[in-house]
Amino acid sequence: MKLLHKLLLAASLVIAAPGFAAPSAAQEAPDVLVKRITQEVVDTARSDKDIRAGNRKRIQALVESHVLPHVDFQRATALTVGRFWREATPQQQQQLIDEFRALMIHTYSGALSQIGDQKLAFLPLRGAPDDNEVEVRFQVQQQRGETINVSYRLYKGADGWKVYDVNLLGAWLIETYKGNFSAEIGRSGIDGLIRTLSEKNRKLAAEPGSAARAS
């Protein structure tokens, strides 16, 4: 089940890839943009032999160049840290963003190498045409007939739509991490959370095949 969660995270985080995006992508409706780019990136992951073989450098290069520019890690990290965010110094805030971003890279990279023959079915957009925050939903249809619901939240910034939260099987990513982050801060403070995330990322980077086990 953990692997399935990572697969869904991979599909759900692919919202706009510079290598594929059209010049007018910033003006494109969020659901149209998501549908087009998700399918293109998933197709690339399926056809790229290095990605399918689990080549870590190739996978992470794809993530860095095609996905991360369109995810707002500052907003996602601040919401995940919650009320403690205001207590953190600017340096601590940046360290938290960097470590959370690294954790997501490991999670995404592990998931991307696991994409197979799943089919994506997009559902109607939740939001009005003039809304600046919307929820895009789709279903992942497994080979054995199982259907998994996925949704994610995007907001419209100065440079287009960005994702900041993902819902997998009824659980929002921010809420899932928020409890763990709060507990760690309660035990050892903000610096303790930074150390914990840093140590986890170091272990994931050092262990062969560890990206697929990131959680």
Protein backbone atom coordinates (compact mmCIF):
# COMPACT_ATOMS: atom_id res chain seq x y z
CA MET A 1 0.00 0.00 0.00
CA LYS A 2 2.88 2.39 0.69
CA LEU A 3 4.13 1.87 -2.86
CA LEU A 4 0.66 2.64 -4.21
CA HIS A 5 0.61 5.88 -2.23
CA LYS A 6 3.94 6.87 -3.76
CA LEU A 7 2.70 6.03 -7.24
CA LEU A 8 -0.34 8.21 -6.75
CA LEU A 9 1.82 11.00 -5.36
CA ALA A 10 3.94 10.84 -8.49
CA ALA A 11 0.92 11.11 -10.75
CA SER A 12 -0.66 13.82 -8.67
CA LEU A 13 2.39 16.06 -8.43
CA VAL A 14 2.95 16.20 -12.19
CA ILE A 15 1.11 19.40 -13.05
CA ALA A 16 3.29 21.31 -15.48
CA ALA A 17 6.57 20.33 -17.06
CA PRO A 18 8.73 23.02 -18.70
CA GLY A 19 10.03 20.49 -21.21
CA PHE A 20 6.49 19.84 -22.42
CA ALA A 21 4.54 22.97 -21.58
CA ALA A 22 3.19 25.20 -24.31
CA PRO A 23 4.02 28.93 -24.21
CA SER A 24 0.46 29.70 -23.09
CA ALA A 25 0.52 27.22 -20.19
CA ALA A 26 0.26 30.03 -17.61
CA GLN A 27 -3.11 31.02 -19.09
CA GLU A 28 -4.38 27.46 -19.41
CA ALA A 29 -7.23 26.32 -17.17
CA PRO A 30 -5.83 24.30 -14.22
CA ASP A 31 -7.72 21.10 -15.02
CA VAL A 32 -6.81 21.25 -18.71
CA LEU A 33 -3.19 21.91 -17.84
CA VAL A 34 -3.05 19.09 -15.33
CA LYS A 35 -4.64 16.58 -17.67
CA ARG A 36 -2.36 17.38 -20.59
CA ILE A 37 0.91 17.47 -18.68
CA THR A 38 0.17 14.53 -16.42
CA GLN A 39 -0.46 12.27 -19.38
CA GLU A 40 2.67 13.48 -21.17
CA VAL A 41 4.94 12.93 -18.18
CA VAL A 42 3.41 9.56 -17.30
CA ASP A 43 3.93 8.46 -20.91
CA THR A 44 7.56 9.55 -20.68
CA ALA A 45 8.07 7.56 -17.48
CA ARG A 46 6.58 4.48 -19.13
CA SER A 47 8.72 4.72 -22.25
CA ASP A 48 12.05 5.78 -20.72
CA LYS A 49 14.09 2.63 -20.18
CA ASP A 50 16.38 4.30 -17.64
CA ILE A 51 13.43 5.40 -15.52
CA ARG A 52 11.85 1.97 -15.74
CA ALA A 53 15.18 0.45 -14.70
CA GLY A 54 15.27 2.69 -11.63
CA ASN A 55 18.16 4.94 -12.69
CA ARG A 56 18.18 7.38 -9.77
CA LYS A 57 20.04 10.19 -11.51
CA ARG A 58 17.78 10.06 -14.56
CA ILE A 59 14.64 10.02 -12.42
CA GLN A 60 15.74 12.85 -10.15
CA ALA A 61 16.85 14.95 -13.12
CA LEU A 62 13.37 14.55 -14.58
CA VAL A 63 11.78 15.50 -11.27
CA GLU A 64 14.02 18.53 -10.81
CA SER A 65 13.46 19.96 -14.27
CA HIS A 66 9.86 19.00 -14.97
CA VAL A 67 7.99 18.94 -11.68
CA LEU A 68 9.53 20.96 -8.88
CA PRO A 69 9.25 24.39 -10.54
CA HIS A 70 5.48 24.00 -10.35
CA VAL A 71 5.15 22.93 -6.74
CA ASP A 72 5.04 25.64 -4.06
CA PHE A 73 7.21 24.08 -1.37
CA GLN A 74 7.25 27.19 0.77
CA ARG A 75 3.47 27.21 1.07
CA ALA A 76 3.29 23.45 1.54
CA THR A 77 6.00 23.48 4.23
CA ALA A 78 4.48 26.43 6.10
CA LEU A 79 1.07 24.76 6.18
CA THR A 80 2.60 21.46 7.29
CA VAL A 81 4.62 23.03 10.10
CA GLY A 82 1.49 24.96 11.13
CA ARG A 83 1.60 27.42 14.01
CA PHE A 84 5.29 26.70 14.61
CA TRP A 85 6.16 28.28 11.27
CA ARG A 86 5.82 31.78 12.72
CA GLU A 87 8.19 30.83 15.53
CA ALA A 88 10.94 29.70 13.17
CA THR A 89 13.68 32.08 12.13
CA PRO A 90 14.11 32.84 8.40
CA GLN A 91 17.09 30.48 8.38
CA GLN A 92 15.10 27.69 10.01
CA GLN A 93 12.23 28.24 7.59
CA GLN A 94 14.56 27.86 4.62
CA GLN A 95 16.11 24.72 6.12
CA LEU A 96 12.65 23.22 6.62
CA ILE A 97 11.71 24.02 3.02
CA ASP A 98 14.94 22.46 1.72
CA GLU A 99 14.54 19.27 3.75
CA PHE A 100 10.83 18.86 2.96
CA ARG A 101 11.60 19.41 -0.70
CA ALA A 102 14.35 16.76 -0.58
CA LEU A 103 11.97 14.31 1.09
CA MET A 104 9.42 14.85 -1.66
CA ILE A 105 12.09 14.34 -4.32
CA HIS A 106 12.93 10.93 -2.86
CA THR A 107 9.24 10.02 -2.59
CA TYR A 108 8.44 11.19 -6.10
CA SER A 109 11.51 9.57 -7.63
CA GLY A 110 10.67 6.20 -6.12
CA ALA A 111 7.11 6.46 -7.36
CA LEU A 112 7.98 7.52 -10.87
CA SER A 113 9.93 4.34 -11.54
CA GLN A 114 6.85 2.27 -10.58
CA ILE A 115 4.41 3.67 -13.13
CA GLY A 116 2.87 0.90 -15.22
CA ASP A 117 -0.34 0.51 -17.20
CA GLN A 118 -2.65 2.41 -14.88
CA LYS A 119 -5.26 4.57 -16.58
CA LEU A 120 -6.18 8.11 -15.49
CA ALA A 121 -9.75 9.39 -15.55
CA PHE A 122 -10.23 13.08 -14.75
CA LEU A 123 -13.29 14.36 -12.90
CA PRO A 124 -14.96 17.79 -13.08
CA LEU A 125 -12.98 20.66 -11.57
CA ARG A 126 -14.00 21.82 -8.11
CA GLY A 127 -14.00 25.60 -8.32
CA ALA A 128 -15.50 28.50 -10.23
CA PRO A 129 -13.88 29.82 -13.43
CA ASP A 130 -12.63 32.95 -11.63
CA ASP A 131 -11.40 31.20 -8.46
CA ASN A 132 -7.74 31.54 -7.51
CA GLU A 133 -7.77 28.23 -5.61
CA VAL A 134 -9.23 25.05 -7.04
CA GLU A 135 -9.24 21.30 -6.54
CA VAL A 136 -8.44 19.02 -9.45
CA ARG A 137 -9.55 15.41 -9.14
CA PHE A 138 -8.89 12.22 -11.04
CA GLN A 139 -9.07 8.47 -10.63
CA VAL A 140 -6.29 5.94 -11.08
CA GLN A 141 -7.72 2.78 -12.57
CA GLN A 142 -5.63 -0.24 -11.67
CA GLN A 143 -5.17 -3.28 -13.89
CA ARG A 144 -7.19 -5.46 -11.52
CA GLY A 145 -10.16 -3.09 -11.64
CA GLU A 146 -9.47 -1.18 -8.43
CA THR A 147 -10.15 2.56 -8.70
CA ILE A 148 -8.23 5.01 -6.52
CA ASN A 149 -9.43 8.58 -6.02
CA VAL A 150 -6.85 11.36 -6.05
CA SER A 151 -7.27 15.11 -5.73
CA TYR A 152 -4.97 18.04 -5.24
CA ARG A 153 -5.19 21.70 -4.47
CA LEU A 154 -3.71 24.39 -6.66
CA TYR A 155 -3.63 28.15 -6.40
CA LYS A 156 -3.04 30.73 -9.09
CA GLY A 157 0.12 32.72 -8.59
CA ALA A 158 1.82 35.41 -10.64
CA ASP A 159 3.50 32.78 -12.83
CA GLY A 160 0.60 30.36 -13.18
CA TRP A 161 -1.00 27.51 -11.26
CA LYS A 162 0.96 25.70 -8.54
CA VAL A 163 0.17 22.65 -6.48
CA TYR A 164 0.56 22.73 -2.71
CA ASP A 165 -1.41 19.77 -1.34
CA VAL A 166 -2.41 16.27 -2.44
CA ASN A 167 -5.21 13.98 -1.25
CA LEU A 168 -4.57 10.24 -1.50
CA LEU A 169 -7.30 7.82 -0.49
CA GLY A 170 -9.01 10.49 1.61
CA ALA A 171 -5.89 11.80 3.37
CA TRP A 172 -4.38 15.19 2.56
CA LEU A 173 -0.59 15.16 2.43
CA ILE A 174 -0.22 18.28 4.59
CA GLU A 175 -2.44 16.89 7.34
CA THR A 176 -0.63 13.56 7.23
CA TYR A 177 2.78 15.14 7.79
CA LYS A 178 1.50 17.87 10.12
CA GLY A 179 0.93 15.53 13.04
CA ASN A 180 4.39 13.99 12.73
CA PHE A 181 6.06 17.39 12.41
CA SER A 182 4.18 18.77 15.41
CA ALA A 183 5.13 15.79 17.55
CA GLU A 184 8.81 16.10 16.61
CA ILE A 185 8.83 19.83 17.34
CA GLY A 186 7.20 19.11 20.69
CA ARG A 187 9.99 16.68 21.55
CA SER A 188 13.05 18.52 20.29
CA GLY A 189 12.04 21.89 18.84
CA ILE A 190 12.25 23.21 15.31
CA ASP A 191 15.96 22.38 15.07
CA GLY A 192 15.11 18.84 16.12
CA LEU A 193 12.66 18.51 13.22
CA ILE A 194 15.26 19.85 10.83
CA ARG A 195 17.81 17.32 12.10
CA THR A 196 15.31 14.47 11.80
CA LEU A 197 14.41 15.37 8.22
CA SER A 198 18.05 15.89 7.31
CA GLU A 199 19.04 12.51 8.71
CA LYS A 200 16.20 10.78 6.90
CA ASN A 201 17.19 12.40 3.61
CA ARG A 202 20.83 11.42 4.10
CA LYS A 203 19.86 7.80 4.65
CA LEU A 204 17.55 7.80 1.64
CA ALA A 205 20.27 9.28 -0.57
CA ALA A 206 22.85 6.75 0.59
CA GLU A 207 20.84 3.54 0.35
CA PRO A 208 20.51 1.81 -3.06
CA GLY A 209 16.89 1.74 -4.13
CA SER A 210 15.90 3.82 -1.12
CA ALA A 211 13.89 6.32 -3.14
CA ALA A 212 11.18 3.74 -3.59
CA ARG A 213 10.97 3.35 0.19
CA ALA A 214 10.68 7.04 1.05
CA SER A 215 7.64 7.89 3.14
